[in-house]
Each structure stands twice: as structure tokens, then as C-alpha cells.
Amino acid sequence: MLKIKNVSKTFNPGTVNEKKALNNINLEVHEGDFITIIGGNGAGKSTLMNMIAGVYPIDCGYIYLADKNISLLKEHQRAQMIGRVFQDPMLGTASDMAIQENLAMANRRGMKRGLRWGITKEEKEVFYKTLQRLGLGLEDRMTVKVGLLSGGQRQALTLLMATLKKPQLLLLDEHTAALDPRTAHKVLKITEEIVNEQKLTALMVTHNMQQAARVSDDTAFFLVGEVVEKNATSEIFARPQDKRTEDYITGRFG
């Protein structure tokens, strides 16, 4: 589903602030895979997410999604194929719009805009049932502005919006890191359920190795812009093949 071939990215090249964020990255994600990316701060994990989403142009290499070369597509063009949930719960939703209006925007992703009634009765019924699964009572507050919700509620809503129309790829960029442990557990549980039910292809960045061990099929370990090792999650944690992977894991767990 996703193929990253020889992708590199350097910020501020030729200056004193030059920083090589990605160095000849090669990574394949098969359809239906749930892969986590782990690694320390500055390893290039979030930069990779931004490269895939089209936030920054790549310096060299290619990115393919479902056999389509998307390397030169703009961010809004890729958004028709890619769902994304950010670390910051304030991103991904429009705070001045109602819950149902946010869901309506997500439901019409990639469709041509025209003159029509705002939100249909059928859409409202779908949104109601979709929100029910969260168990947060948002189905009875669909006309409430999103800005009045808590961070956890907004993050759960963003997750629903990212998957309302099945994306070819779901990007989860430390999407539970800013939440309290109880809310993070709930959002991760909902994530796991949605990914499994829709058979989504997902790529999740996390610092939390317990999360990685719980939800992912494969894990890729990043070290300063390089993919050091990629293997089944159970193998990565039990029998790392690279000494740097082992050092990172044992350092985290003491």
C-alpha cells in the first residue's frame, strides 16, 4: 500500500542550521498492516509523517501509495487518500464549527462542492451512530461547537473524522501523547477497533513501547533519520537484531 524509496530530507541546507532529518529512507507497508515507528526525539519520525502527507517536499526519492507515485502531489491532493491524527488535539478539527459540521466536512472529503442543503437527515443519522461508539455522549451534543470539548473528546472526534471515509492510509502521529493516561488508553482502544474493523493500513508514531507492543503488527525503529530495523513487533522487542535497537529498548525499560 505504501512504498518509500530512497527518501531524504535536509532542512536549511548550506547554512549553519543545516539538519539532515531523513537519510535515504526505504520502507514498505503492506495493505492491512498496522506499523508503529519508535525512536528517540529528533530521529525523524514526525518528519517522515510530514513527507508522506505532503507537508514538506522531499529532496530526493519516491513515495508510492497504492502503486501511485504521490511524490509531487500537494498536501490537499494527498488528503483525499490519507487520514491523519496529530499529536495536538487542537489540530484536525474546526473549533468554531459544530460536531456535526466537522463530521460533514470529513464525510465529503474529495467531493466537489456545490449548492445544496447543509447536512442531510441521512448524514445526521450516520453521525449519531458513529459518535455512539465513542461512549462519550457526543451523539447527543452534535450541535455543540468543537471548541467546547475536552482534548480527549476532540482527539476521539478527529480519529472518527480521519476514518469516516475509509482512507488508503491512516497516519497517527503520537496521537495519544498529549492526553492523560486514562483518556489515552480509551483513544488507543478506539483506534485499535476502527483499524481492525475497517482493515485499515496504518502507520503510528509513538514513544510508548507498551502501545507499540499492544496494537501493531510490525515495528520500525528509527535512529537519526535512518530505519535501523524493521520486523514483527514481538521479534523487535524479544530478539532485536541490531545492537542499537537493543540499546534503545533496554534503555527505555531500564
Protein backbone atom coordinates (compact mmCIF):
# COMPACT_ATOMS: atom_id res chain seq x y z
CA MET A 1 0.00 0.00 0.00
CA LEU A 2 2.85 2.39 0.85
CA LYS A 3 6.34 2.29 -0.59
CA ILE A 4 9.01 4.78 0.40
CA LYS A 5 12.14 4.53 -1.73
CA ASN A 6 15.43 6.38 -1.12
CA VAL A 7 13.74 9.38 0.50
CA SER A 8 15.95 12.04 2.08
CA LYS A 9 15.23 15.43 3.63
CA THR A 10 17.59 18.16 4.81
CA PHE A 11 16.33 21.37 6.36
CA ASN A 12 18.20 24.67 5.83
CA PRO A 13 20.84 23.12 3.55
CA GLY A 14 24.09 25.03 3.18
CA THR A 15 23.56 27.07 6.36
CA VAL A 16 24.80 26.83 9.93
CA ASN A 17 21.34 25.49 10.81
CA GLU A 18 21.53 22.61 8.34
CA LYS A 19 19.87 19.46 9.68
CA LYS A 20 19.58 16.13 7.89
CA ALA A 21 16.25 14.78 9.08
CA LEU A 22 15.87 11.74 6.80
CA ASN A 23 18.73 9.83 5.22
CA ASN A 24 17.88 7.51 2.32
CA ILE A 25 14.73 6.04 3.90
CA ASN A 26 13.35 2.80 2.48
CA LEU A 27 10.15 1.39 3.97
CA GLU A 28 7.27 -0.74 2.73
CA VAL A 29 3.83 -1.01 4.35
CA HIS A 30 1.54 -3.71 3.00
CA GLU A 31 -2.22 -3.40 2.77
CA GLY A 32 -3.83 -4.01 6.15
CA ASP A 33 -0.58 -3.60 8.11
CA PHE A 34 -0.52 -1.69 11.39
CA ILE A 35 3.06 -0.49 11.80
CA THR A 36 4.49 1.54 14.65
CA ILE A 37 7.59 3.72 14.36
CA ILE A 38 9.62 4.13 17.53
CA GLY A 39 12.77 6.09 18.29
CA GLY A 40 14.10 8.97 20.32
CA ASN A 41 13.49 12.69 19.89
CA GLY A 42 14.97 14.03 16.67
CA ALA A 43 15.02 10.62 14.99
CA GLY A 44 12.91 11.89 12.09
CA LYS A 45 9.66 10.10 12.88
CA SER A 46 7.33 13.08 12.57
CA THR A 47 9.32 14.38 9.60
CA LEU A 48 8.59 11.11 7.82
CA MET A 49 4.88 11.55 8.55
CA ASN A 50 5.01 15.05 7.08
CA MET A 51 6.81 13.76 3.99
CA ILE A 52 4.12 11.14 3.42
CA ALA A 53 1.32 13.67 3.98
CA GLY A 54 2.94 16.22 1.66
CA VAL A 55 3.56 18.94 4.25
CA TYR A 56 7.18 19.25 3.11
CA PRO A 57 8.61 18.34 -0.28
CA ILE A 58 11.16 15.51 -0.32
CA ASP A 59 14.70 16.24 -1.51
CA CYS A 60 15.01 13.00 -3.44
CA GLY A 61 13.46 9.57 -3.79
CA TYR A 62 9.88 8.46 -4.32
CA ILE A 63 6.71 7.83 -2.32
CA TYR A 64 4.09 5.47 -3.73
CA LEU A 65 0.60 4.96 -2.34
CA ALA A 66 -1.40 2.06 -3.78
CA ASP A 67 1.06 1.94 -6.72
CA LYS A 68 0.53 5.63 -7.45
CA ASN A 69 3.52 7.96 -7.34
CA ILE A 70 2.45 10.74 -4.98
CA SER A 71 5.90 12.27 -4.54
CA LEU A 72 4.95 15.55 -6.24
CA LEU A 73 1.32 15.80 -5.12
CA LYS A 74 0.35 18.70 -2.86
CA GLU A 75 -0.87 18.12 0.68
CA HIS A 76 -4.54 18.76 -0.17
CA GLN A 77 -4.34 16.27 -3.04
CA ARG A 78 -2.96 13.55 -0.78
CA ALA A 79 -5.60 14.34 1.86
CA GLN A 80 -8.18 12.64 -0.36
CA MET A 81 -6.30 9.36 0.19
CA ILE A 82 -4.70 9.84 3.62
CA GLY A 83 -6.33 10.27 7.02
CA ARG A 84 -4.23 11.83 9.76
CA VAL A 85 -4.48 12.37 13.51
CA PHE A 86 -1.98 14.78 15.05
CA GLN A 87 -0.37 14.88 18.48
CA ASP A 88 -2.08 18.17 19.31
CA PRO A 89 -5.82 17.59 19.97
CA MET A 90 -6.49 21.16 18.80
CA LEU A 91 -5.45 20.24 15.25
CA GLY A 92 -7.64 18.26 12.87
CA THR A 93 -10.94 19.91 13.84
CA ALA A 94 -12.56 23.33 13.32
CA SER A 95 -13.22 24.69 16.82
CA ASP A 96 -15.83 27.28 15.73
CA MET A 97 -17.95 24.68 13.96
CA ALA A 98 -20.36 22.15 15.46
CA ILE A 99 -19.50 18.48 15.88
CA GLN A 100 -21.88 17.51 13.06
CA GLU A 101 -20.42 20.18 10.78
CA ASN A 102 -16.92 18.83 11.33
CA LEU A 103 -18.13 15.32 10.54
CA ALA A 104 -19.91 16.60 7.42
CA MET A 105 -16.66 18.12 6.14
CA ALA A 106 -14.87 14.82 6.71
CA ASN A 107 -17.69 12.89 5.06
CA ARG A 108 -17.39 14.99 1.89
CA ARG A 109 -13.64 14.79 1.61
CA GLY A 110 -12.61 14.70 -2.03
CA MET A 111 -16.10 15.57 -3.30
CA LYS A 112 -16.90 18.59 -5.45
CA ARG A 113 -18.57 21.44 -3.60
CA GLY A 114 -21.88 22.83 -4.82
CA LEU A 115 -25.14 24.44 -3.74
CA ARG A 116 -27.03 22.01 -1.54
CA TRP A 117 -28.61 21.69 1.88
CA GLY A 118 -26.05 21.77 4.69
CA ILE A 119 -26.39 18.42 6.43
CA THR A 120 -28.93 15.83 5.36
CA LYS A 121 -31.11 13.79 7.68
CA GLU A 122 -29.33 10.64 6.50
CA GLU A 123 -25.95 12.12 7.36
CA LYS A 124 -27.12 13.07 10.84
CA GLU A 125 -28.26 9.50 11.45
CA VAL A 126 -24.87 8.18 10.35
CA PHE A 127 -23.04 10.70 12.53
CA TYR A 128 -25.20 9.81 15.53
CA LYS A 129 -24.40 6.10 15.23
CA THR A 130 -20.73 6.82 14.57
CA LEU A 131 -20.41 9.01 17.67
CA GLN A 132 -22.20 6.44 19.83
CA ARG A 133 -19.28 4.06 19.57
CA LEU A 134 -17.04 6.52 21.42
CA GLY A 135 -19.09 6.20 24.60
CA LEU A 136 -18.50 9.89 25.33
CA GLY A 137 -22.08 11.13 24.93
CA LEU A 138 -21.16 13.26 21.90
CA GLU A 139 -24.04 11.81 19.88
CA ASP A 140 -26.39 13.93 22.00
CA ARG A 141 -24.29 17.07 21.55
CA MET A 142 -23.89 17.18 17.78
CA THR A 143 -24.78 20.88 17.55
CA VAL A 144 -22.19 21.86 20.18
CA LYS A 145 -19.09 23.68 18.92
CA VAL A 146 -15.97 21.54 18.95
CA GLY A 147 -14.06 24.26 20.82
CA LEU A 148 -16.10 23.43 23.93
CA LEU A 149 -14.90 19.81 24.01
CA SER A 150 -12.04 18.45 26.10
CA GLY A 151 -8.75 17.46 24.49
CA GLY A 152 -9.60 13.77 24.65
CA GLN A 153 -13.03 14.31 23.12
CA ARG A 154 -11.53 16.35 20.29
CA GLN A 155 -8.88 13.70 19.62
CA ALA A 156 -11.52 10.96 19.50
CA LEU A 157 -13.57 13.11 17.11
CA THR A 158 -10.51 13.72 14.93
CA LEU A 159 -9.96 9.97 14.74
CA LEU A 160 -13.56 9.46 13.59
CA MET A 161 -13.17 12.23 11.00
CA ALA A 162 -9.95 10.70 9.66
CA THR A 163 -11.62 7.33 9.15
CA LEU A 164 -15.23 8.31 8.32
CA LYS A 165 -14.43 7.77 4.66
CA LYS A 166 -12.02 4.84 4.61
CA PRO A 167 -8.57 6.24 3.81
CA GLN A 168 -5.98 4.28 1.88
CA LEU A 169 -3.54 5.12 4.66
CA LEU A 170 -4.05 6.30 8.25
CA LEU A 171 -1.25 8.33 9.86
CA LEU A 172 -1.21 8.53 13.66
CA ASP A 173 1.45 10.98 14.83
CA GLU A 174 1.77 10.37 18.59
CA HIS A 175 -1.97 10.92 18.75
CA THR A 176 -2.28 9.95 22.42
CA ALA A 177 0.87 11.65 23.74
CA ALA A 178 -0.89 14.84 24.88
CA LEU A 179 -3.70 13.02 26.70
CA ASP A 180 -3.92 11.86 30.29
CA PRO A 181 -3.31 8.09 30.73
CA ARG A 182 -6.98 7.14 31.08
CA THR A 183 -8.06 9.12 28.01
CA ALA A 184 -5.03 7.93 26.04
CA HIS A 185 -5.99 4.32 26.79
CA LYS A 186 -9.55 4.92 25.58
CA VAL A 187 -8.46 6.68 22.35
CA LEU A 188 -5.95 3.90 21.63
CA LYS A 189 -8.66 1.27 22.20
CA ILE A 190 -10.98 3.07 19.76
CA THR A 191 -8.09 3.33 17.29
CA GLU A 192 -7.46 -0.40 17.51
CA GLU A 193 -11.15 -1.20 16.99
CA ILE A 194 -11.53 1.09 13.96
CA VAL A 195 -8.32 -0.14 12.31
CA ASN A 196 -9.36 -3.78 12.78
CA GLU A 197 -12.98 -3.32 11.70
CA GLN A 198 -12.15 -1.32 8.57
CA LYS A 199 -8.99 -3.34 7.87
CA LEU A 200 -7.07 -0.09 7.55
CA THR A 201 -3.43 0.32 6.67
CA ALA A 202 -1.97 2.39 9.49
CA LEU A 203 1.35 3.94 10.44
CA MET A 204 1.69 5.13 14.05
CA VAL A 205 4.50 7.13 15.63
CA THR A 206 4.85 6.58 19.37
CA HIS A 207 7.32 6.87 22.23
CA ASN A 208 5.25 4.41 24.21
CA MET A 209 6.59 0.91 23.60
CA GLN A 210 3.74 -0.69 25.51
CA GLN A 211 1.40 0.85 22.94
CA ALA A 212 3.53 -0.44 20.09
CA ALA A 213 3.60 -3.94 21.54
CA ARG A 214 -0.17 -3.89 22.06
CA VAL A 215 -1.51 -2.73 18.71
CA SER A 216 1.00 -3.12 15.88
CA ASP A 217 1.89 -5.98 13.55
CA ASP A 218 5.33 -4.66 12.66
CA THR A 219 7.61 -2.06 14.21
CA ALA A 220 10.24 0.09 12.53
CA PHE A 221 12.96 1.52 14.76
CA PHE A 222 14.30 4.94 13.77
CA LEU A 223 17.72 6.33 14.71
CA VAL A 224 18.62 9.83 13.50
CA GLY A 225 16.90 9.70 10.13
CA GLU A 226 17.54 6.05 9.39
CA VAL A 227 15.43 2.91 9.62
CA VAL A 228 17.73 0.76 11.73
CA GLU A 229 15.49 -2.28 11.90
CA LYS A 230 12.02 -3.41 10.81
CA ASN A 231 10.46 -6.65 11.94
CA ALA A 232 7.41 -8.16 13.61
CA THR A 233 6.76 -6.22 16.80
CA SER A 234 7.16 -9.29 19.00
CA GLU A 235 10.54 -10.03 17.39
CA ILE A 236 11.75 -6.44 17.68
CA PHE A 237 11.15 -6.41 21.42
CA ALA A 238 12.15 -10.01 22.21
CA ARG A 239 15.06 -10.52 19.80
CA PRO A 240 16.33 -7.26 18.26
CA GLN A 241 18.85 -7.93 15.51
CA ASP A 242 20.65 -4.58 15.70
CA LYS A 243 22.65 -3.56 18.77
CA ARG A 244 21.26 -0.01 18.53
CA THR A 245 17.71 -1.33 18.71
CA GLU A 246 18.58 -3.42 21.73
CA ASP A 247 20.23 -0.46 23.46
CA TYR A 248 17.19 1.72 22.84
CA ILE A 249 14.74 -0.87 24.17
CA THR A 250 16.77 -1.80 27.24
CA GLY A 251 17.41 1.88 27.93
CA ARG A 252 13.66 2.54 27.92
CA PHE A 253 12.86 -0.37 30.17
CA GLY A 254 15.93 0.02 32.37
